[in-house]
């Protein structure tokens, strides 16, 4: 694995990487690690790993950071440096913006076809190899790249268009026409689970390459103690998504409590003089019990329209979960999902306690109409044609998505017509504002029809936007 002449360097760089990641490693422990390496077989990776972990790691929560640092260091010391292999290939093949320099459509088509086949056949080895290949093609992890892990995963998922690939994989030519609907649904669910596993493999591969580059450059690993409500939803790693899921329930409870408190604090209304005087007759004309004309309040209806294409599906999942938790603020809530087609998912959301699972939606609805690429213009047209009856003067429409329509007709007039039929229109966009109206984003065309537009990249921002929608509308 690594020669004895670099063992001392391994210990020093391992110690430095762990300290930068927030793992406490004393000088004495580093010395113990060097002594431990003297009595193990340096050619056996497993022995070196065990020796370093036994001497440098004291807490269970630091094991993940150790494994990341060790894998990065063994890649750097045990094989050609990253700058000569993977990173050099990335720099030669990509510009700083991450777009491919060589337009090798044949290779990209082969990658997508192989991915569809691997998902259908449940080929774990092929999926892992394809994850590495996808990072090569779409990641652009060059020496000049400053993108975060989440931004890189988001870029790769957008390039792959995993939602369209998943739809193709589900349309397997091997499906027997005589199979029951249950069997076909189970098969689709299995493929969706494999797609989720592929997403995890992508995140692991991106993290591994960034770790190798950062440790080689002396930057070290980043600490993993970020507050889950401040993590970016798009491109989050599996562990980050799990942390956000745990943080979602107390956050939703806090929202409900704040909404109830706001409702209780509303004023009593104007003084009702006639009723006050009539009541005062029983006390000799003294107005001891004022009577008020309480304002009549009606709970609005809520219509949620969620983009579930690609990585935006994770954002839709958290949005619907939070809005579902606030559903008692509304007299009714109807949920719809779309890619290039649109379908109602109210029952699916209710059965899943508000947590919209992308795989369930793709398998059980008609959200894909043609090729599985986002088409906001067609979705707005179809929604008006099929579901216009839910757009009432009492309804508040919430649209969640990145407003990227793959250079297709945006149909801004369609959203304008929908806005005239409802009480309020709010848009939640998971992309940074700096990326709005770039590339195929048409956010500027939709914004005039909205009463508010929110940048929502974290649970904290989602909480703020949801509170304004769920509570602020009661005063409208």
Foldseek 3Di string as FASTA:
>chain_A
DADPVCLLVLLVLLCLQLVQQVQDFDPVLSVQLSVQVVPDDPVDLVSNLVSNCVRGHDDPVSVVQSVLLSLLVCCCRVDPACCVPLQVLLPVQADLVQAGPDPPVVVVVVLLVQVLVCLLVVPPVSLLVSLLVLCSHRQSPYPPHPDDLLVSLLRSLVVSQLQLSLLSSLPDPPDDPPDDPVVSLVSLLSSLVVSVVSSQSNSVSSSSSVQNSCSVVSNHDHHPPDQLQPAFQGSDHPVSLVNVVVVLVVLLVVLQVVLVVLVVPDDQAAWDVVVQQVVCVVVVRDSPDTDHDGDDFAQFEEEEEEECTTRSVSVQQSLQLSVLSLCVSHPYYWYWYAFLEIDTCRVVCVVVNRRDDSSSDSSPHPRDDDSRHHAQQNHLVNCCVPPVVVQAQRYEYEYEEQQQHPPDDNNLVSLLVSLVHYNFYEYEYQDPPVCAPPDRHPVVSNVVSHPYYFHDGGNVSSSVVSSCVSRVVRVD
